[in-house]
Amino acid sequence: MKTLYYLFALLCLCASCNNSNKKETEITTDKNGAVSTNTVNSETKDTQKGDYSTLYNRSKNDCRIVEASEIAGVLGIPEQNVNSNYTVEGLCKYDITLADGSTSLYMITAFDIPQRDVTREVENYEAGKGGLQHYKSDNGDVDLCIHPYQGWLFLYNTSYNNAVKISFGSALQLKDLNKEQKEKRKTNALKLANFIVEKYQN
């Protein structure tokens, strides 16, 4: 009788383990009719505070993720200090005049990347090799990965394919700025990234 009991308990334990590794496939359609799929580990998904399908399942040509007025609000500057340029498909440019009178160019793009590569990229940034920097969004859902030399900030979420990139100025482009001004560009990029996460947290 004891043997049967232990056998039943073992079977229940195996079933529980299988369920914990269960994966779900999400299928979504963007506003242009393109269909995207994401395979999501259900355990990872349960830790997410929001659904970011609208942010990540978009056409790579759809970079209009934030408006000039929203950027102005995030940075605490007048709306007229942010000039948007959408003339290049898939590349949204924002010429910004900061409170100290200095100017800054921010560019936002959405791009395709498989989910497995998203995970690999996040791991590389977490390791911090070559000066790479890793942050978590304020709500803990999104990995904010900064390449300081190139002046890139990536918004990665390991539950989704694809990513968003904010360019805030490479080391060469910012060479004439002082240390405080350079740090301000990065800080502003992080503020903008957190705003994007909050905006698309459904």
C-alpha atoms as a PDB file:
ATOM      1  CA  MET A   1       0.000   0.000   0.000  1.00  0.00           C
ATOM      2  CA  LYS A   2       2.867   2.342   0.896  1.00  0.00           C
ATOM      3  CA  THR A   3       4.466   1.587  -2.463  1.00  0.00           C
ATOM      4  CA  LEU A   4       1.319   2.689  -4.292  1.00  0.00           C
ATOM      5  CA  TYR A   5       1.147   5.878  -2.197  1.00  0.00           C
ATOM      6  CA  TYR A   6       4.754   6.853  -2.974  1.00  0.00           C
ATOM      7  CA  LEU A   7       4.240   6.059  -6.663  1.00  0.00           C
ATOM      8  CA  PHE A   8       1.171   8.329  -6.774  1.00  0.00           C
ATOM      9  CA  ALA A   9       3.057  11.124  -4.992  1.00  0.00           C
ATOM     10  CA  LEU A  10       5.932  10.828  -7.476  1.00  0.00           C
ATOM     11  CA  LEU A  11       3.551  11.078 -10.435  1.00  0.00           C
ATOM     12  CA  CYS A  12       1.957  14.217  -8.965  1.00  0.00           C
ATOM     13  CA  LEU A  13       5.394  15.785  -8.465  1.00  0.00           C
ATOM     14  CA  CYS A  14       6.370  15.094 -12.086  1.00  0.00           C
ATOM     15  CA  ALA A  15       3.134  16.608 -13.356  1.00  0.00           C
ATOM     16  CA  SER A  16       3.761  19.708 -11.265  1.00  0.00           C
ATOM     17  CA  CYS A  17       7.275  20.112 -12.695  1.00  0.00           C
ATOM     18  CA  ASN A  18       5.985  19.788 -16.239  1.00  0.00           C
ATOM     19  CA  ASN A  19       3.376  22.470 -15.628  1.00  0.00           C
ATOM     20  CA  SER A  20       5.955  24.869 -14.175  1.00  0.00           C
ATOM     21  CA  ASN A  21       7.919  24.700 -17.434  1.00  0.00           C
ATOM     22  CA  LYS A  22       4.834  25.089 -19.550  1.00  0.00           C
ATOM     23  CA  LYS A  23       5.097  27.618 -22.331  1.00  0.00           C
ATOM     24  CA  GLU A  24       2.390  29.652 -23.959  1.00  0.00           C
ATOM     25  CA  THR A  25       2.316  31.096 -27.441  1.00  0.00           C
ATOM     26  CA  GLU A  26       0.866  34.577 -27.854  1.00  0.00           C
ATOM     27  CA  ILE A  27      -0.314  35.636 -31.306  1.00  0.00           C
ATOM     28  CA  THR A  28      -0.961  39.313 -31.926  1.00  0.00           C
ATOM     29  CA  THR A  29      -1.588  41.555 -34.902  1.00  0.00           C
ATOM     30  CA  ASP A  30      -0.244  45.098 -35.178  1.00  0.00           C
ATOM     31  CA  LYS A  31      -2.077  48.044 -36.722  1.00  0.00           C
ATOM     32  CA  ASN A  32      -0.572  47.249 -40.146  1.00  0.00           C
ATOM     33  CA  GLY A  33      -1.956  43.715 -40.071  1.00  0.00           C
ATOM     34  CA  ALA A  34       1.397  42.009 -39.436  1.00  0.00           C
ATOM     35  CA  VAL A  35       1.128  38.915 -37.254  1.00  0.00           C
ATOM     36  CA  SER A  36       3.700  38.279 -34.520  1.00  0.00           C
ATOM     37  CA  THR A  37       4.089  35.349 -32.160  1.00  0.00           C
ATOM     38  CA  ASN A  38       5.842  35.165 -28.817  1.00  0.00           C
ATOM     39  CA  THR A  39       6.565  31.985 -26.890  1.00  0.00           C
ATOM     40  CA  VAL A  40       6.369  32.905 -23.237  1.00  0.00           C
ATOM     41  CA  ASN A  41       7.425  30.814 -20.273  1.00  0.00           C
ATOM     42  CA  SER A  42       4.323  30.887 -18.091  1.00  0.00           C
ATOM     43  CA  GLU A  43       6.403  31.194 -14.920  1.00  0.00           C
ATOM     44  CA  THR A  44       8.206  34.268 -16.286  1.00  0.00           C
ATOM     45  CA  LYS A  45       4.951  35.725 -17.575  1.00  0.00           C
ATOM     46  CA  ASP A  46       3.362  35.460 -14.136  1.00  0.00           C
ATOM     47  CA  THR A  47       6.046  37.755 -12.692  1.00  0.00           C
ATOM     48  CA  GLN A  48       5.291  40.501 -15.235  1.00  0.00           C
ATOM     49  CA  LYS A  49       3.194  43.420 -14.046  1.00  0.00           C
ATOM     50  CA  GLY A  50       1.918  44.238 -17.524  1.00  0.00           C
ATOM     51  CA  ASP A  51       1.325  43.053 -21.075  1.00  0.00           C
ATOM     52  CA  TYR A  52       3.687  44.760 -23.530  1.00  0.00           C
ATOM     53  CA  SER A  53       2.412  43.261 -26.779  1.00  0.00           C
ATOM     54  CA  THR A  54       1.531  46.708 -28.144  1.00  0.00           C
ATOM     55  CA  LEU A  55       5.108  47.883 -27.617  1.00  0.00           C
ATOM     56  CA  TYR A  56       7.004  44.873 -28.930  1.00  0.00           C
ATOM     57  CA  ASN A  57       4.691  43.431 -31.586  1.00  0.00           C
ATOM     58  CA  ARG A  58       4.899  46.452 -33.877  1.00  0.00           C
ATOM     59  CA  SER A  59       6.293  46.955 -37.346  1.00  0.00           C
ATOM     60  CA  LYS A  60       9.954  47.970 -37.339  1.00  0.00           C
ATOM     61  CA  ASN A  61       8.849  50.990 -39.399  1.00  0.00           C
ATOM     62  CA  ASP A  62       6.568  52.127 -36.574  1.00  0.00           C
ATOM     63  CA  CYS A  63       8.947  54.109 -34.370  1.00  0.00           C
ATOM     64  CA  ARG A  64       6.422  56.696 -33.212  1.00  0.00           C
ATOM     65  CA  ILE A  65       6.337  55.298 -29.715  1.00  0.00           C
ATOM     66  CA  VAL A  66       6.232  58.656 -27.931  1.00  0.00           C
ATOM     67  CA  GLU A  67       5.130  62.124 -28.962  1.00  0.00           C
ATOM     68  CA  ALA A  68       7.145  65.334 -28.649  1.00  0.00           C
ATOM     69  CA  SER A  69       4.752  66.625 -25.986  1.00  0.00           C
ATOM     70  CA  GLU A  70       5.316  63.481 -23.907  1.00  0.00           C
ATOM     71  CA  ILE A  71       9.094  63.834 -24.133  1.00  0.00           C
ATOM     72  CA  ALA A  72       8.808  67.446 -23.002  1.00  0.00           C
ATOM     73  CA  GLY A  73       6.738  66.355 -20.011  1.00  0.00           C
ATOM     74  CA  VAL A  74       9.227  63.650 -19.044  1.00  0.00           C
ATOM     75  CA  LEU A  75      12.191  66.022 -19.236  1.00  0.00           C
ATOM     76  CA  GLY A  76      10.379  68.963 -17.657  1.00  0.00           C
ATOM     77  CA  ILE A  77      10.908  71.370 -20.541  1.00  0.00           C
ATOM     78  CA  PRO A  78       8.495  73.397 -22.729  1.00  0.00           C
ATOM     79  CA  GLU A  79       6.938  71.484 -25.619  1.00  0.00           C
ATOM     80  CA  GLN A  80       8.444  73.917 -28.136  1.00  0.00           C
ATOM     81  CA  ASN A  81      11.887  72.724 -26.981  1.00  0.00           C
ATOM     82  CA  VAL A  82      11.260  69.349 -28.653  1.00  0.00           C
ATOM     83  CA  ASN A  83      11.244  69.234 -32.458  1.00  0.00           C
ATOM     84  CA  SER A  84      10.232  65.899 -33.969  1.00  0.00           C
ATOM     85  CA  ASN A  85      11.344  64.564 -37.346  1.00  0.00           C
ATOM     86  CA  TYR A  86       9.681  61.496 -38.875  1.00  0.00           C
ATOM     87  CA  THR A  87      10.940  61.920 -42.459  1.00  0.00           C
ATOM     88  CA  VAL A  88      12.982  58.689 -42.439  1.00  0.00           C
ATOM     89  CA  GLU A  89      10.776  55.607 -42.224  1.00  0.00           C
ATOM     90  CA  GLY A  90      11.459  53.638 -39.078  1.00  0.00           C
ATOM     91  CA  LEU A  91      13.615  56.364 -37.491  1.00  0.00           C
ATOM     92  CA  CYS A  92      12.070  58.970 -35.202  1.00  0.00           C
ATOM     93  CA  LYS A  93      14.341  61.907 -34.389  1.00  0.00           C
ATOM     94  CA  TYR A  94      13.842  64.450 -31.640  1.00  0.00           C
ATOM     95  CA  ASP A  95      15.963  67.601 -31.454  1.00  0.00           C
ATOM     96  CA  ILE A  96      15.782  68.744 -27.854  1.00  0.00           C
ATOM     97  CA  THR A  97      16.846  71.970 -26.178  1.00  0.00           C
ATOM     98  CA  LEU A  98      17.458  71.225 -22.523  1.00  0.00           C
ATOM     99  CA  ALA A  99      16.896  73.539 -19.579  1.00  0.00           C
ATOM    100  CA  ASP A 100      20.569  74.604 -19.557  1.00  0.00           C
ATOM    101  CA  GLY A 101      20.300  75.717 -23.189  1.00  0.00           C
ATOM    102  CA  SER A 102      22.352  72.841 -24.600  1.00  0.00           C
ATOM    103  CA  THR A 103      20.921  70.757 -27.426  1.00  0.00           C
ATOM    104  CA  SER A 104      20.541  67.016 -27.660  1.00  0.00           C
ATOM    105  CA  LEU A 105      19.441  64.599 -30.375  1.00  0.00           C
ATOM    106  CA  TYR A 106      17.471  61.513 -29.383  1.00  0.00           C
ATOM    107  CA  MET A 107      16.498  58.851 -31.901  1.00  0.00           C
ATOM    108  CA  ILE A 108      14.037  56.008 -31.366  1.00  0.00           C
ATOM    109  CA  THR A 109      13.772  52.847 -33.448  1.00  0.00           C
ATOM    110  CA  ALA A 110      11.946  49.529 -33.137  1.00  0.00           C
ATOM    111  CA  PHE A 111      13.718  46.468 -34.514  1.00  0.00           C
ATOM    112  CA  ASP A 112      13.264  42.732 -34.952  1.00  0.00           C
ATOM    113  CA  ILE A 113      15.221  40.303 -32.796  1.00  0.00           C
ATOM    114  CA  PRO A 114      14.304  36.706 -31.840  1.00  0.00           C
ATOM    115  CA  GLN A 115      13.335  36.082 -28.240  1.00  0.00           C
ATOM    116  CA  ARG A 116      16.300  33.769 -27.628  1.00  0.00           C
ATOM    117  CA  ASP A 117      18.659  36.559 -28.739  1.00  0.00           C
ATOM    118  CA  VAL A 118      16.890  39.018 -26.439  1.00  0.00           C
ATOM    119  CA  THR A 119      17.697  36.713 -23.524  1.00  0.00           C
ATOM    120  CA  ARG A 120      21.313  36.400 -24.658  1.00  0.00           C
ATOM    121  CA  GLU A 121      21.695  40.170 -24.965  1.00  0.00           C
ATOM    122  CA  VAL A 122      20.277  40.761 -21.490  1.00  0.00           C
ATOM    123  CA  GLU A 123      22.712  38.207 -20.050  1.00  0.00           C
ATOM    124  CA  ASN A 124      25.634  39.991 -21.738  1.00  0.00           C
ATOM    125  CA  TYR A 125      24.588  43.333 -20.292  1.00  0.00           C
ATOM    126  CA  GLU A 126      24.024  41.834 -16.849  1.00  0.00           C
ATOM    127  CA  ALA A 127      27.612  40.530 -16.959  1.00  0.00           C
ATOM    128  CA  GLY A 128      28.789  44.102 -17.537  1.00  0.00           C
ATOM    129  CA  LYS A 129      31.660  43.179 -19.839  1.00  0.00           C
ATOM    130  CA  GLY A 130      33.267  45.978 -21.823  1.00  0.00           C
ATOM    131  CA  GLY A 131      31.531  48.644 -19.766  1.00  0.00           C
ATOM    132  CA  LEU A 132      28.008  47.503 -20.679  1.00  0.00           C
ATOM    133  CA  GLN A 133      25.411  48.700 -18.167  1.00  0.00           C
ATOM    134  CA  HIS A 134      22.221  46.971 -17.053  1.00  0.00           C
ATOM    135  CA  TYR A 135      19.231  48.496 -15.278  1.00  0.00           C
ATOM    136  CA  LYS A 136      15.673  47.369 -14.596  1.00  0.00           C
ATOM    137  CA  SER A 137      12.681  49.553 -15.336  1.00  0.00           C
ATOM    138  CA  ASP A 138      11.021  51.138 -12.316  1.00  0.00           C
ATOM    139  CA  ASN A 139       8.319  48.463 -12.332  1.00  0.00           C
ATOM    140  CA  GLY A 140      10.860  45.640 -12.753  1.00  0.00           C
ATOM    141  CA  ASP A 141       9.391  44.297 -16.007  1.00  0.00           C
ATOM    142  CA  VAL A 142      11.816  45.540 -18.656  1.00  0.00           C
ATOM    143  CA  ASP A 143      15.603  45.315 -18.945  1.00  0.00           C
ATOM    144  CA  LEU A 144      17.184  48.665 -19.790  1.00  0.00           C
ATOM    145  CA  CYS A 145      20.560  47.945 -21.351  1.00  0.00           C
ATOM    146  CA  ILE A 146      23.016  50.738 -22.087  1.00  0.00           C
ATOM    147  CA  HIS A 147      26.003  50.695 -24.430  1.00  0.00           C
ATOM    148  CA  PRO A 148      27.738  53.846 -23.129  1.00  0.00           C
ATOM    149  CA  TYR A 149      30.320  54.217 -25.905  1.00  0.00           C
ATOM    150  CA  GLN A 150      27.691  54.046 -28.659  1.00  0.00           C
ATOM    151  CA  GLY A 151      25.097  55.970 -26.644  1.00  0.00           C
ATOM    152  CA  TRP A 152      22.408  53.311 -27.047  1.00  0.00           C
ATOM    153  CA  LEU A 153      19.706  52.274 -24.609  1.00  0.00           C
ATOM    154  CA  PHE A 154      17.789  49.084 -25.431  1.00  0.00           C
ATOM    155  CA  LEU A 155      14.418  48.172 -23.967  1.00  0.00           C
ATOM    156  CA  TYR A 156      14.429  44.379 -23.782  1.00  0.00           C
ATOM    157  CA  ASN A 157      11.809  42.073 -22.320  1.00  0.00           C
ATOM    158  CA  THR A 158      12.766  38.397 -22.271  1.00  0.00           C
ATOM    159  CA  SER A 159       9.098  37.418 -22.638  1.00  0.00           C
ATOM    160  CA  TYR A 160       8.916  38.981 -26.116  1.00  0.00           C
ATOM    161  CA  ASN A 161      10.562  39.057 -29.503  1.00  0.00           C
ATOM    162  CA  ASN A 162      11.885  42.416 -30.746  1.00  0.00           C
ATOM    163  CA  ALA A 163      13.203  45.503 -28.981  1.00  0.00           C
ATOM    164  CA  VAL A 164      13.207  49.288 -28.874  1.00  0.00           C
ATOM    165  CA  LYS A 165      16.373  51.389 -29.060  1.00  0.00           C
ATOM    166  CA  ILE A 166      16.897  54.945 -27.822  1.00  0.00           C
ATOM    167  CA  SER A 167      20.027  56.639 -29.178  1.00  0.00           C
ATOM    168  CA  PHE A 168      21.201  59.538 -27.021  1.00  0.00           C
ATOM    169  CA  GLY A 169      24.658  60.295 -28.448  1.00  0.00           C
ATOM    170  CA  SER A 170      27.884  58.328 -28.822  1.00  0.00           C
ATOM    171  CA  ALA A 171      31.086  59.156 -26.956  1.00  0.00           C
ATOM    172  CA  LEU A 172      32.418  60.778 -30.118  1.00  0.00           C
ATOM    173  CA  GLN A 173      29.291  62.882 -30.617  1.00  0.00           C
ATOM    174  CA  LEU A 174      29.336  64.047 -26.993  1.00  0.00           C
ATOM    175  CA  LYS A 175      33.098  64.609 -26.735  1.00  0.00           C
ATOM    176  CA  ASP A 176      32.727  68.382 -26.273  1.00  0.00           C
ATOM    177  CA  LEU A 177      30.362  68.018 -23.301  1.00  0.00           C
ATOM    178  CA  ASN A 178      31.494  67.912 -19.696  1.00  0.00           C
ATOM    179  CA  LYS A 179      30.974  64.849 -17.501  1.00  0.00           C
ATOM    180  CA  GLU A 180      27.790  66.194 -15.938  1.00  0.00           C
ATOM    181  CA  GLN A 181      26.222  66.958 -19.336  1.00  0.00           C
ATOM    182  CA  LYS A 182      27.094  63.486 -20.649  1.00  0.00           C
ATOM    183  CA  GLU A 183      25.555  61.854 -17.592  1.00  0.00           C
ATOM    184  CA  LYS A 184      22.440  63.999 -18.065  1.00  0.00           C
ATOM    185  CA  ARG A 185      21.946  62.555 -21.580  1.00  0.00           C
ATOM    186  CA  LYS A 186      22.005  59.036 -20.180  1.00  0.00           C
ATOM    187  CA  THR A 187      19.737  59.935 -17.261  1.00  0.00           C
ATOM    188  CA  ASN A 188      17.225  61.499 -19.640  1.00  0.00           C
ATOM    189  CA  ALA A 189      17.282  58.364 -21.800  1.00  0.00           C
ATOM    190  CA  LEU A 190      16.505  56.253 -18.725  1.00  0.00           C
ATOM    191  CA  LYS A 191      13.638  58.592 -17.788  1.00  0.00           C
ATOM    192  CA  LEU A 192      12.246  58.291 -21.292  1.00  0.00           C
ATOM    193  CA  ALA A 193      12.602  54.501 -21.248  1.00  0.00           C
ATOM    194  CA  ASN A 194      10.698  54.246 -17.968  1.00  0.00           C
ATOM    195  CA  PHE A 195       7.966  56.463 -19.380  1.00  0.00           C
ATOM    196  CA  ILE A 196       7.658  54.169 -22.413  1.00  0.00           C
ATOM    197  CA  VAL A 197       7.385  51.109 -20.160  1.00  0.00           C
ATOM    198  CA  GLU A 198       4.667  52.775 -18.083  1.00  0.00           C
ATOM    199  CA  LYS A 199       2.805  53.983 -21.184  1.00  0.00           C
ATOM    200  CA  TYR A 200       2.631  50.520 -22.753  1.00  0.00           C
ATOM    201  CA  GLN A 201       2.021  48.510 -19.580  1.00  0.00           C
ATOM    202  CA  ASN A 202      -1.436  47.127 -20.358  1.00  0.00           C
END
